[in-house]
Amino acid sequence: IVSQCALDALSQQIDEALASSHNSSIPLQDTEKAVDAIRAL
């Protein structure tokens, strides 16, 4: 869903992210899960 880094590794992390063939990450679905729980309630 995310990657982590400290400031001294940020340049390399940006290069890797921009060079990656994947255009997106897996998004969180927290809001949808909360809505489902309220509807069930």
Full PDB file with SEQRES, HELIX, SHEET, SSBOND, CRYST1, ORIGX, SCALE, CONECT and MASTER records, all heavy atoms in Angstrom:
SEQRES   1 A   41  ILE VAL SER GLN CYS ALA LEU ASP ALA LEU SER GLN GLN          
SEQRES   2 A   41  ILE ASP GLU ALA LEU ALA SER SER HIS ASN SER SER ILE          
SEQRES   3 A   41  PRO LEU GLN ASP THR GLU LYS ALA VAL ASP ALA ILE ARG          
SEQRES   4 A   41  ALA LEU                                                      
HELIX    1 AA1 LEU A    7  ALA A    9  5                                   3    
HELIX    2 AA2 LEU A   10  ALA A   19  1                                  10    
HELIX    3 AA3 ASP A   30  ALA A   40  1                                  11    
CRYST1    1.000    1.000    1.000  90.00  90.00  90.00 P 1           1          
ORIGX1      1.000000  0.000000  0.000000        0.00000                         
ORIGX2      0.000000  1.000000  0.000000        0.00000                         
ORIGX3      0.000000  0.000000  1.000000        0.00000                         
SCALE1      1.000000  0.000000  0.000000        0.00000                         
SCALE2      0.000000  1.000000  0.000000        0.00000                         
SCALE3      0.000000  0.000000  1.000000        0.00000                         
ATOM      1  N   ILE A   1       0.837  -1.202   0.000  1.00  0.00           N  
ATOM      2  CA  ILE A   1       0.000   0.000   0.000  1.00  0.00           C  
ATOM      3  C   ILE A   1       0.869   1.248   0.000  1.00  0.00           C  
ATOM      4  O   ILE A   1       0.565   2.233  -0.688  1.00  0.00           O  
ATOM      5  CB  ILE A   1      -0.945  -0.010   1.221  1.00  0.00           C  
ATOM      6  CG1 ILE A   1      -1.864  -1.243   1.160  1.00  0.00           C  
ATOM      7  CG2 ILE A   1      -1.777   1.266   1.284  1.00  0.00           C  
ATOM      8  CD1 ILE A   1      -2.630  -1.504   2.442  1.00  0.00           C  
ATOM      9  N   VAL A   2       1.954   1.249   0.769  1.00  0.00           N  
ATOM     10  CA  VAL A   2       2.914   2.356   0.817  1.00  0.00           C  
ATOM     11  C   VAL A   2       4.317   1.779   0.871  1.00  0.00           C  
ATOM     12  O   VAL A   2       4.513   0.570   1.050  1.00  0.00           O  
ATOM     13  CB  VAL A   2       2.693   3.260   2.066  1.00  0.00           C  
ATOM     14  CG1 VAL A   2       1.263   3.773   2.146  1.00  0.00           C  
ATOM     15  CG2 VAL A   2       3.074   2.522   3.348  1.00  0.00           C  
ATOM     16  N   SER A   3       5.310   2.657   0.727  1.00  0.00           N  
ATOM     17  CA  SER A   3       6.693   2.323   1.057  1.00  0.00           C  
ATOM     18  C   SER A   3       7.174   3.347   2.078  1.00  0.00           C  
ATOM     19  O   SER A   3       6.603   4.442   2.185  1.00  0.00           O  
ATOM     20  CB  SER A   3       7.584   2.320  -0.183  1.00  0.00           C  
ATOM     21  OG  SER A   3       7.550   3.586  -0.816  1.00  0.00           O  
ATOM     22  N   GLN A   4       8.198   3.006   2.825  1.00  0.00           N  
ATOM     23  CA  GLN A   4       8.728   3.888   3.853  1.00  0.00           C  
ATOM     24  C   GLN A   4      10.196   4.192   3.582  1.00  0.00           C  
ATOM     25  O   GLN A   4      10.921   3.352   3.061  1.00  0.00           O  
ATOM     26  CB  GLN A   4       8.641   3.234   5.238  1.00  0.00           C  
ATOM     27  CG  GLN A   4       7.262   2.977   5.762  1.00  0.00           C  
ATOM     28  CD  GLN A   4       7.327   2.437   7.186  1.00  0.00           C  
ATOM     29  OE1 GLN A   4       7.408   3.200   8.151  1.00  0.00           O  
ATOM     30  NE2 GLN A   4       7.306   1.129   7.326  1.00  0.00           N  
ATOM     31  N   CYS A   5      10.630   5.384   3.978  1.00  0.00           N  
ATOM     32  CA  CYS A   5      12.053   5.687   3.932  1.00  0.00           C  
ATOM     33  C   CYS A   5      12.361   6.899   4.804  1.00  0.00           C  
ATOM     34  O   CYS A   5      11.467   7.673   5.150  1.00  0.00           O  
ATOM     35  CB  CYS A   5      12.541   5.914   2.502  1.00  0.00           C  
ATOM     36  SG  CYS A   5      12.106   7.496   1.786  1.00  0.00           S  
ATOM     37  N   ALA A   6      13.629   7.037   5.144  1.00  0.00           N  
ATOM     38  CA  ALA A   6      14.116   8.227   5.828  1.00  0.00           C  
ATOM     39  C   ALA A   6      14.583   9.226   4.776  1.00  0.00           C  
ATOM     40  O   ALA A   6      14.691   8.907   3.588  1.00  0.00           O  
ATOM     41  CB  ALA A   6      15.255   7.868   6.775  1.00  0.00           C  
ATOM     42  N   LEU A   7      14.883  10.431   5.215  1.00  0.00           N  
ATOM     43  CA  LEU A   7      15.213  11.508   4.284  1.00  0.00           C  
ATOM     44  C   LEU A   7      16.468  11.195   3.457  1.00  0.00           C  
ATOM     45  O   LEU A   7      16.531  11.533   2.268  1.00  0.00           O  
ATOM     46  CB  LEU A   7      15.411  12.814   5.060  1.00  0.00           C  
ATOM     47  CG  LEU A   7      15.390  14.122   4.276  1.00  0.00           C  
ATOM     48  CD1 LEU A   7      14.143  14.237   3.411  1.00  0.00           C  
ATOM     49  CD2 LEU A   7      15.463  15.305   5.234  1.00  0.00           C  
ATOM     50  N   ASP A   8      17.442  10.517   4.059  1.00  0.00           N  
ATOM     51  CA  ASP A   8      18.681  10.247   3.322  1.00  0.00           C  
ATOM     52  C   ASP A   8      18.505   9.212   2.217  1.00  0.00           C  
ATOM     53  O   ASP A   8      19.375   9.071   1.348  1.00  0.00           O  
ATOM     54  CB  ASP A   8      19.797   9.808   4.286  1.00  0.00           C  
ATOM     55  CG  ASP A   8      19.415   8.582   5.119  1.00  0.00           C  
ATOM     56  OD1 ASP A   8      18.321   8.028   4.901  1.00  0.00           O  
ATOM     57  OD2 ASP A   8      20.213   8.188   5.986  1.00  0.00           O  
ATOM     58  N   ALA A   9      17.387   8.491   2.217  1.00  0.00           N  
ATOM     59  CA  ALA A   9      17.129   7.513   1.158  1.00  0.00           C  
ATOM     60  C   ALA A   9      16.023   7.965   0.203  1.00  0.00           C  
ATOM     61  O   ALA A   9      15.617   7.205  -0.680  1.00  0.00           O  
ATOM     62  CB  ALA A   9      16.744   6.175   1.780  1.00  0.00           C  
ATOM     63  N   LEU A  10      15.545   9.198   0.352  1.00  0.00           N  
ATOM     64  CA  LEU A  10      14.384   9.648  -0.409  1.00  0.00           C  
ATOM     65  C   LEU A  10      14.660   9.723  -1.909  1.00  0.00           C  
ATOM     66  O   LEU A  10      13.833   9.306  -2.722  1.00  0.00           O  
ATOM     67  CB  LEU A  10      13.908  11.008   0.108  1.00  0.00           C  
ATOM     68  CG  LEU A  10      12.673  11.589  -0.591  1.00  0.00           C  
ATOM     69  CD1 LEU A  10      11.484  10.646  -0.482  1.00  0.00           C  
ATOM     70  CD2 LEU A  10      12.315  12.961  -0.012  1.00  0.00           C  
ATOM     71  N   SER A  11      15.829  10.250  -2.299  1.00  0.00           N  
ATOM     72  CA  SER A  11      16.135  10.379  -3.731  1.00  0.00           C  
ATOM     73  C   SER A  11      16.063   9.036  -4.435  1.00  0.00           C  
ATOM     74  O   SER A  11      15.452   8.910  -5.515  1.00  0.00           O  
ATOM     75  CB  SER A  11      17.531  10.993  -3.914  1.00  0.00           C  
ATOM     76  OG  SER A  11      17.550  12.318  -3.472  1.00  0.00           O  
ATOM     77  N   GLN A  12      16.687   8.034  -3.842  1.00  0.00           N  
ATOM     78  CA  GLN A  12      16.664   6.700  -4.438  1.00  0.00           C  
ATOM     79  C   GLN A  12      15.254   6.126  -4.477  1.00  0.00           C  
ATOM     80  O   GLN A  12      14.846   5.510  -5.463  1.00  0.00           O  
ATOM     81  CB  GLN A  12      17.582   5.763  -3.653  1.00  0.00           C  
ATOM     82  CG  GLN A  12      17.616   4.334  -4.210  1.00  0.00           C  
ATOM     83  CD  GLN A  12      18.528   3.418  -3.400  1.00  0.00           C  
ATOM     84  OE1 GLN A  12      19.290   3.879  -2.556  1.00  0.00           O  
ATOM     85  NE2 GLN A  12      18.440   2.120  -3.655  1.00  0.00           N  
ATOM     86  N   GLN A  13      14.489   6.374  -3.416  1.00  0.00           N  
ATOM     87  CA  GLN A  13      13.120   5.849  -3.357  1.00  0.00           C  
ATOM     88  C   GLN A  13      12.254   6.487  -4.446  1.00  0.00           C  
ATOM     89  O   GLN A  13      11.422   5.823  -5.060  1.00  0.00           O  
ATOM     90  CB  GLN A  13      12.531   6.127  -1.976  1.00  0.00           C  
ATOM     91  CG  GLN A  13      11.288   5.328  -1.641  1.00  0.00           C  
ATOM     92  CD  GLN A  13      11.623   3.938  -1.129  1.00  0.00           C  
ATOM     93  OE1 GLN A  13      12.765   3.618  -0.912  1.00  0.00           O  
ATOM     94  NE2 GLN A  13      10.611   3.102  -0.966  1.00  0.00           N  
ATOM     95  N   ILE A  14      12.450   7.775  -4.684  1.00  0.00           N  
ATOM     96  CA  ILE A  14      11.697   8.462  -5.738  1.00  0.00           C  
ATOM     97  C   ILE A  14      12.063   7.893  -7.099  1.00  0.00           C  
ATOM     98  O   ILE A  14      11.189   7.624  -7.943  1.00  0.00           O  
ATOM     99  CB  ILE A  14      11.955   9.985  -5.681  1.00  0.00           C  
ATOM    100  CG1 ILE A  14      11.328  10.581  -4.423  1.00  0.00           C  
ATOM    101  CG2 ILE A  14      11.394  10.666  -6.930  1.00  0.00           C  
ATOM    102  CD1 ILE A  14      11.675  12.043  -4.208  1.00  0.00           C  
ATOM    103  N   ASP A  15      13.359   7.711  -7.348  1.00  0.00           N  
ATOM    104  CA  ASP A  15      13.806   7.143  -8.627  1.00  0.00           C  
ATOM    105  C   ASP A  15      13.164   5.785  -8.871  1.00  0.00           C  
ATOM    106  O   ASP A  15      12.687   5.497  -9.980  1.00  0.00           O  
ATOM    107  CB  ASP A  15      15.331   7.009  -8.638  1.00  0.00           C  
ATOM    108  CG  ASP A  15      16.037   8.356  -8.736  1.00  0.00           C  
ATOM    109  OD1 ASP A  15      15.389   9.329  -9.173  1.00  0.00           O  
ATOM    110  OD2 ASP A  15      17.226   8.431  -8.380  1.00  0.00           O  
ATOM    111  N   GLU A  16      13.150   4.945  -7.841  1.00  0.00           N  
ATOM    112  CA  GLU A  16      12.581   3.611  -7.981  1.00  0.00           C  
ATOM    113  C   GLU A  16      11.072   3.666  -8.224  1.00  0.00           C  
ATOM    114  O   GLU A  16      10.535   2.903  -9.041  1.00  0.00           O  
ATOM    115  CB  GLU A  16      12.878   2.785  -6.732  1.00  0.00           C  
ATOM    116  CG  GLU A  16      14.357   2.437  -6.564  1.00  0.00           C  
ATOM    117  CD  GLU A  16      14.637   1.721  -5.259  1.00  0.00           C  
ATOM    118  OE1 GLU A  16      13.684   1.518  -4.464  1.00  0.00           O  
ATOM    119  OE2 GLU A  16      15.815   1.373  -5.022  1.00  0.00           O  
ATOM    120  N   ALA A  17      10.397   4.571  -7.536  1.00  0.00           N  
ATOM    121  CA  ALA A  17       8.942   4.685  -7.698  1.00  0.00           C  
ATOM    122  C   ALA A  17       8.580   5.168  -9.100  1.00  0.00           C  
ATOM    123  O   ALA A  17       7.652   4.642  -9.730  1.00  0.00           O  
ATOM    124  CB  ALA A  17       8.372   5.629  -6.654  1.00  0.00           C  
ATOM    125  N   LEU A  18       9.308   6.161  -9.593  1.00  0.00           N  
ATOM    126  CA  LEU A  18       9.009   6.703 -10.920  1.00  0.00           C  
ATOM    127  C   LEU A  18       9.388   5.733 -12.032  1.00  0.00           C  
ATOM    128  O   LEU A  18       8.789   5.740 -13.111  1.00  0.00           O  
ATOM    129  CB  LEU A  18       9.734   8.034 -11.116  1.00  0.00           C  
ATOM    130  CG  LEU A  18       9.277   9.189 -10.216  1.00  0.00           C  
ATOM    131  CD1 LEU A  18      10.110  10.430 -10.465  1.00  0.00           C  
ATOM    132  CD2 LEU A  18       7.793   9.493 -10.421  1.00  0.00           C  
ATOM    133  N   ALA A  19      10.396   4.904 -11.778  1.00  0.00           N  
ATOM    134  CA  ALA A  19      10.848   3.953 -12.783  1.00  0.00           C  
ATOM    135  C   ALA A  19      10.009   2.676 -12.803  1.00  0.00           C  
ATOM    136  O   ALA A  19      10.066   1.899 -13.764  1.00  0.00           O  
ATOM    137  CB  ALA A  19      12.314   3.586 -12.544  1.00  0.00           C  
ATOM    138  N   SER A  20       9.232   2.451 -11.746  1.00  0.00           N  
ATOM    139  CA  SER A  20       8.444   1.230 -11.642  1.00  0.00           C  
ATOM    140  C   SER A  20       7.397   1.160 -12.750  1.00  0.00           C  
ATOM    141  O   SER A  20       6.796   2.168 -13.137  1.00  0.00           O  
ATOM    142  CB  SER A  20       7.758   1.165 -10.274  1.00  0.00           C  
ATOM    143  OG  SER A  20       6.840   0.102 -10.228  1.00  0.00           O  
ATOM    144  N   SER A  21       7.180  -0.045 -13.235  1.00  0.00           N  
ATOM    145  CA  SER A  21       6.174  -0.236 -14.285  1.00  0.00           C  
ATOM    146  C   SER A  21       4.753  -0.176 -13.736  1.00  0.00           C  
ATOM    147  O   SER A  21       3.796  -0.033 -14.491  1.00  0.00           O  
ATOM    148  CB  SER A  21       6.396  -1.591 -14.972  1.00  0.00           C  
ATOM    149  OG  SER A  21       6.322  -2.657 -14.019  1.00  0.00           O  
ATOM    150  N   HIS A  22       4.632  -0.307 -12.413  1.00  0.00           N  
ATOM    151  CA  HIS A  22       3.300  -0.225 -11.797  1.00  0.00           C  
ATOM    152  C   HIS A  22       2.908   1.237 -11.645  1.00  0.00           C  
ATOM    153  O   HIS A  22       3.642   2.041 -11.078  1.00  0.00           O  
ATOM    154  CB  HIS A  22       3.301  -0.909 -10.432  1.00  0.00           C  
ATOM    155  CG  HIS A  22       3.597  -2.378 -10.505  1.00  0.00           C  
ATOM    156  ND1 HIS A  22       2.694  -3.288 -10.984  1.00  0.00           N  
ATOM    157  CD2 HIS A  22       4.713  -3.083 -10.170  1.00  0.00           C  
ATOM    158  CE1 HIS A  22       3.225  -4.507 -10.950  1.00  0.00           C  
ATOM    159  NE2 HIS A  22       4.450  -4.405 -10.459  1.00  0.00           N  
ATOM    160  N   ASN A  23       1.746   1.596 -12.143  1.00  0.00           N  
ATOM    161  CA  ASN A  23       1.307   2.985 -12.115  1.00  0.00           C  
ATOM    162  C   ASN A  23       0.611   3.381 -10.819  1.00  0.00           C  
ATOM    163  O   ASN A  23       0.359   4.557 -10.587  1.00  0.00           O  
ATOM    164  CB  ASN A  23       0.350   3.255 -13.294  1.00  0.00           C  
ATOM    165  CG  ASN A  23       1.063   3.137 -14.626  1.00  0.00           C  
ATOM    166  OD1 ASN A  23       2.225   3.503 -14.741  1.00  0.00           O  
ATOM    167  ND2 ASN A  23       0.368   2.602 -15.619  1.00  0.00           N  
ATOM    168  N   SER A  24       0.285   2.394  -9.982  1.00  0.00           N  
ATOM    169  CA  SER A  24      -0.461   2.717  -8.775  1.00  0.00           C  
ATOM    170  C   SER A  24      -0.149   1.710  -7.686  1.00  0.00           C  
ATOM    171  O   SER A  24       0.530   0.707  -7.914  1.00  0.00           O  
ATOM    172  CB  SER A  24      -1.968   2.724  -9.062  1.00  0.00           C  
ATOM    173  OG  SER A  24      -2.384   1.448  -9.506  1.00  0.00           O  
ATOM    174  N   SER A  25      -0.642   1.978  -6.486  1.00  0.00           N  
ATOM    175  CA  SER A  25      -0.528   1.069  -5.360  1.00  0.00           C  
ATOM    176  C   SER A  25      -1.903   0.528  -5.011  1.00  0.00           C  
ATOM    177  O   SER A  25      -2.928   0.983  -5.529  1.00  0.00           O  
ATOM    178  CB  SER A  25       0.067   1.797  -4.155  1.00  0.00           C  
ATOM    179  OG  SER A  25       1.382   2.237  -4.422  1.00  0.00           O  
ATOM    180  N   ILE A  26      -1.930  -0.438  -4.126  1.00  0.00           N  
ATOM    181  CA  ILE A  26      -3.204  -1.000  -3.668  1.00  0.00           C  
ATOM    182  C   ILE A  26      -3.825  -0.021  -2.672  1.00  0.00           C  
ATOM    183  O   ILE A  26      -3.232   0.258  -1.632  1.00  0.00           O  
ATOM    184  CB  ILE A  26      -2.985  -2.366  -3.008  1.00  0.00           C  
ATOM    185  CG1 ILE A  26      -2.376  -3.347  -4.008  1.00  0.00           C  
ATOM    186  CG2 ILE A  26      -4.293  -2.909  -2.440  1.00  0.00           C  
ATOM    187  CD1 ILE A  26      -1.925  -4.654  -3.400  1.00  0.00           C  
ATOM    188  N   PRO A  27      -4.990   0.532  -2.955  1.00  0.00           N  
ATOM    189  CA  PRO A  27      -5.565   1.537  -2.048  1.00  0.00           C  
ATOM    190  C   PRO A  27      -6.203   0.907  -0.823  1.00  0.00           C  
ATOM    191  O   PRO A  27      -6.704  -0.217  -0.859  1.00  0.00           O  
ATOM    192  CB  PRO A  27      -6.626   2.231  -2.912  1.00  0.00           C  
ATOM    193  CG  PRO A  27      -7.039   1.183  -3.903  1.00  0.00           C  
ATOM    194  CD  PRO A  27      -5.812   0.345  -4.170  1.00  0.00           C  
ATOM    195  N   LEU A  28      -6.190   1.647   0.282  1.00  0.00           N  
ATOM    196  CA  LEU A  28      -6.946   1.234   1.463  1.00  0.00           C  
ATOM    197  C   LEU A  28      -8.441   1.226   1.145  1.00  0.00           C  
ATOM    198  O   LEU A  28      -8.919   2.032   0.347  1.00  0.00           O  
ATOM    199  CB  LEU A  28      -6.686   2.204   2.620  1.00  0.00           C  
ATOM    200  CG  LEU A  28      -5.330   2.172   3.315  1.00  0.00           C  
ATOM    201  CD1 LEU A  28      -5.283   3.235   4.410  1.00  0.00           C  
ATOM    202  CD2 LEU A  28      -5.043   0.803   3.905  1.00  0.00           C  
ATOM    203  N   GLN A  29      -9.171   0.350   1.819  1.00  0.00           N  
ATOM    204  CA  GLN A  29     -10.625   0.265   1.650  1.00  0.00           C  
ATOM    205  C   GLN A  29     -11.332   0.495   2.986  1.00  0.00           C  
ATOM    206  O   GLN A  29     -12.397  -0.068   3.242  1.00  0.00           O  
ATOM    207  CB  GLN A  29     -10.993  -1.123   1.088  1.00  0.00           C  
ATOM    208  CG  GLN A  29     -10.406  -1.417  -0.270  1.00  0.00           C  
ATOM    209  CD  GLN A  29     -11.063  -0.595  -1.372  1.00  0.00           C  
ATOM    210  OE1 GLN A  29     -12.274  -0.404  -1.373  1.00  0.00           O  
ATOM    211  NE2 GLN A  29     -10.279  -0.098  -2.299  1.00  0.00           N  
ATOM    212  N   ASP A  30     -10.734   1.336   3.832  1.00  0.00           N  
ATOM    213  CA  ASP A  30     -11.263   1.530   5.181  1.00  0.00           C  
ATOM    214  C   ASP A  30     -12.650   2.156   5.194  1.00  0.00           C  
ATOM    215  O   ASP A  30     -13.512   1.776   5.991  1.00  0.00           O  
ATOM    216  CB  ASP A  30     -10.306   2.395   6.004  1.00  0.00           C  
ATOM    217  CG  ASP A  30      -9.008   1.677   6.326  1.00  0.00           C  
ATOM    218  OD1 ASP A  30      -9.038   0.445   6.454  1.00  0.00           O  
ATOM    219  OD2 ASP A  30      -7.971   2.349   6.442  1.00  0.00           O  
ATOM    220  N   THR A  31     -12.877   3.124   4.335  1.00  0.00           N  
ATOM    221  CA  THR A  31     -14.167   3.813   4.330  1.00  0.00           C  
ATOM    222  C   THR A  31     -15.282   2.852   3.928  1.00  0.00           C  
ATOM    223  O   THR A  31     -16.352   2.823   4.558  1.00  0.00           O  
ATOM    224  CB  THR A  31     -14.135   5.013   3.375  1.00  0.00           C  
ATOM    225  OG1 THR A  31     -13.013   5.836   3.691  1.00  0.00           O  
ATOM    226  CG2 THR A  31     -15.410   5.832   3.491  1.00  0.00           C  
ATOM    227  N   GLU A  32     -15.032   2.053   2.904  1.00  0.00           N  
ATOM    228  CA  GLU A  32     -16.019   1.079   2.461  1.00  0.00           C  
ATOM    229  C   GLU A  32     -16.330   0.062   3.571  1.00  0.00           C  
ATOM    230  O   GLU A  32     -17.493  -0.324   3.766  1.00  0.00           O  
ATOM    231  CB  GLU A  32     -15.526   0.358   1.209  1.00  0.00           C  
ATOM    232  CG  GLU A  32     -15.461   1.215  -0.047  1.00  0.00           C  
ATOM    233  CD  GLU A  32     -14.234   2.119  -0.129  1.00  0.00           C  
ATOM    234  OE1 GLU A  32     -13.402   2.098   0.824  1.00  0.00           O  
ATOM    235  OE2 GLU A  32     -14.101   2.850  -1.117  1.00  0.00           O  
ATOM    236  N   LYS A  33     -15.304  -0.346   4.291  1.00  0.00           N  
ATOM    237  CA  LYS A  33     -15.506  -1.308   5.379  1.00  0.00           C  
ATOM    238  C   LYS A  33     -16.357  -0.700   6.493  1.00  0.00           C  
ATOM    239  O   LYS A  33     -17.236  -1.363   7.052  1.00  0.00           O  
ATOM    240  CB  LYS A  33     -14.151  -1.749   5.923  1.00  0.00           C  
ATOM    241  CG  LYS A  33     -14.230  -2.936   6.863  1.00  0.00           C  
ATOM    242  CD  LYS A  33     -12.854  -3.491   7.186  1.00  0.00           C  
ATOM    243  CE  LYS A  33     -12.975  -4.750   8.031  1.00  0.00           C  
ATOM    244  NZ  LYS A  33     -11.654  -5.329   8.357  1.00  0.00           N  
ATOM    245  N   ALA A  34     -16.107   0.571   6.805  1.00  0.00           N  
ATOM    246  CA  ALA A  34     -16.893   1.244   7.834  1.00  0.00           C  
ATOM    247  C   ALA A  34     -18.357   1.366   7.412  1.00  0.00           C  
ATOM    248  O   ALA A  34     -19.273   1.150   8.218  1.00  0.00           O  
ATOM    249  CB  ALA A  34     -16.301   2.622   8.122  1.00  0.00           C  
ATOM    250  N   VAL A  35     -18.584   1.702   6.153  1.00  0.00           N  
ATOM    251  CA  VAL A  35     -19.950   1.836   5.641  1.00  0.00           C  
ATOM    252  C   VAL A  35     -20.685   0.503   5.715  1.00  0.00           C  
ATOM    253  O   VAL A  35     -21.853   0.436   6.127  1.00  0.00           O  
ATOM    254  CB  VAL A  35     -19.930   2.370   4.192  1.00  0.00           C  
ATOM    255  CG1 VAL A  35     -21.304   2.221   3.535  1.00  0.00           C  
ATOM    256  CG2 VAL A  35     -19.507   3.832   4.178  1.00  0.00           C  
ATOM    257  N   ASP A  36     -20.021  -0.569   5.327  1.00  0.00           N  
ATOM    258  CA  ASP A  36     -20.639  -1.893   5.397  1.00  0.00           C  
ATOM    259  C   ASP A  36     -21.039  -2.240   6.833  1.00  0.00           C  
ATOM    260  O   ASP A  36     -22.104  -2.828   7.075  1.00  0.00           O  
ATOM    261  CB  ASP A  36     -19.680  -2.956   4.858  1.00  0.00           C  
ATOM    262  CG  ASP A  36     -19.500  -2.881   3.346  1.00  0.00           C  
ATOM    263  OD1 ASP A  36     -20.335  -2.230   2.685  1.00  0.00           O  
ATOM    264  OD2 ASP A  36     -18.527  -3.470   2.838  1.00  0.00           O  
ATOM    265  N   ALA A  37     -20.191  -1.886   7.794  1.00  0.00           N  
ATOM    266  CA  ALA A  37     -20.481  -2.179   9.203  1.00  0.00           C  
ATOM    267  C   ALA A  37     -21.682  -1.386   9.695  1.00  0.00           C  
ATOM    268  O   ALA A  37     -22.516  -1.906  10.458  1.00  0.00           O  
ATOM    269  CB  ALA A  37     -19.260  -1.866  10.059  1.00  0.00           C  
ATOM    270  N   ILE A  38     -21.815  -0.131   9.269  1.00  0.00           N  
ATOM    271  CA  ILE A  38     -22.964   0.687   9.680  1.00  0.00           C  
ATOM    272  C   ILE A  38     -24.246   0.144   9.064  1.00  0.00           C  
ATOM    273  O   ILE A  38     -25.297   0.043   9.728  1.00  0.00           O  
ATOM    274  CB  ILE A  38     -22.747   2.161   9.295  1.00  0.00           C  
ATOM    275  CG1 ILE A  38     -21.591   2.766  10.108  1.00  0.00           C  
ATOM    276  CG2 ILE A  38     -24.022   2.973   9.515  1.00  0.00           C  
ATOM    277  CD1 ILE A  38     -21.207   4.166   9.694  1.00  0.00           C  
ATOM    278  N   ARG A  39     -24.184  -0.242   7.791  1.00  0.00           N  
ATOM    279  CA  ARG A  39     -25.373  -0.809   7.144  1.00  0.00           C  
ATOM    280  C   ARG A  39     -25.810  -2.101   7.830  1.00  0.00           C  
ATOM    281  O   ARG A  39     -27.003  -2.343   8.013  1.00  0.00           O  
ATOM    282  CB  ARG A  39     -25.085  -1.055   5.666  1.00  0.00           C  
ATOM    283  CG  ARG A  39     -25.058   0.226   4.835  1.00  0.00           C  
ATOM    284  CD  ARG A  39     -24.664  -0.052   3.408  1.00  0.00           C  
ATOM    285  NE  ARG A  39     -24.764   1.155   2.585  1.00  0.00           N  
ATOM    286  CZ  ARG A  39     -24.057   1.361   1.486  1.00  0.00           C  
ATOM    287  NH1 ARG A  39     -23.189   0.441   1.074  1.00  0.00           N  
ATOM    288  NH2 ARG A  39     -24.193   2.475   0.795  1.00  0.00           N  
ATOM    289  N   ALA A  40     -24.834  -2.916   8.203  1.00  0.00           N  
ATOM    290  CA  ALA A  40     -25.156  -4.162   8.916  1.00  0.00           C  
ATOM    291  C   ALA A  40     -25.773  -3.870  10.279  1.00  0.00           C  
ATOM    292  O   ALA A  40     -26.695  -4.564  10.727  1.00  0.00           O  
ATOM    293  CB  ALA A  40     -23.893  -5.010   9.070  1.00  0.00           C  
ATOM    294  N   LEU A  41     -25.298  -2.801  10.925  1.00  0.00           N  
ATOM    295  CA  LEU A  41     -25.811  -2.427  12.236  1.00  0.00           C  
ATOM    296  C   LEU A  41     -27.295  -2.078  12.202  1.00  0.00           C  
ATOM    297  O   LEU A  41     -28.053  -2.415  13.100  1.00  0.00           O  
ATOM    298  CB  LEU A  41     -25.000  -1.244  12.788  1.00  0.00           C  
ATOM    299  CG  LEU A  41     -25.419  -0.667  14.135  1.00  0.00           C  
ATOM    300  CD1 LEU A  41     -25.111  -1.676  15.250  1.00  0.00           C  
ATOM    301  CD2 LEU A  41     -24.691   0.657  14.399  1.00  0.00           C  
TER     302      LEU A  41                                                      
MASTER        0    0    0    3    0    0    0    6  301    1    0    4          
END                                                                             
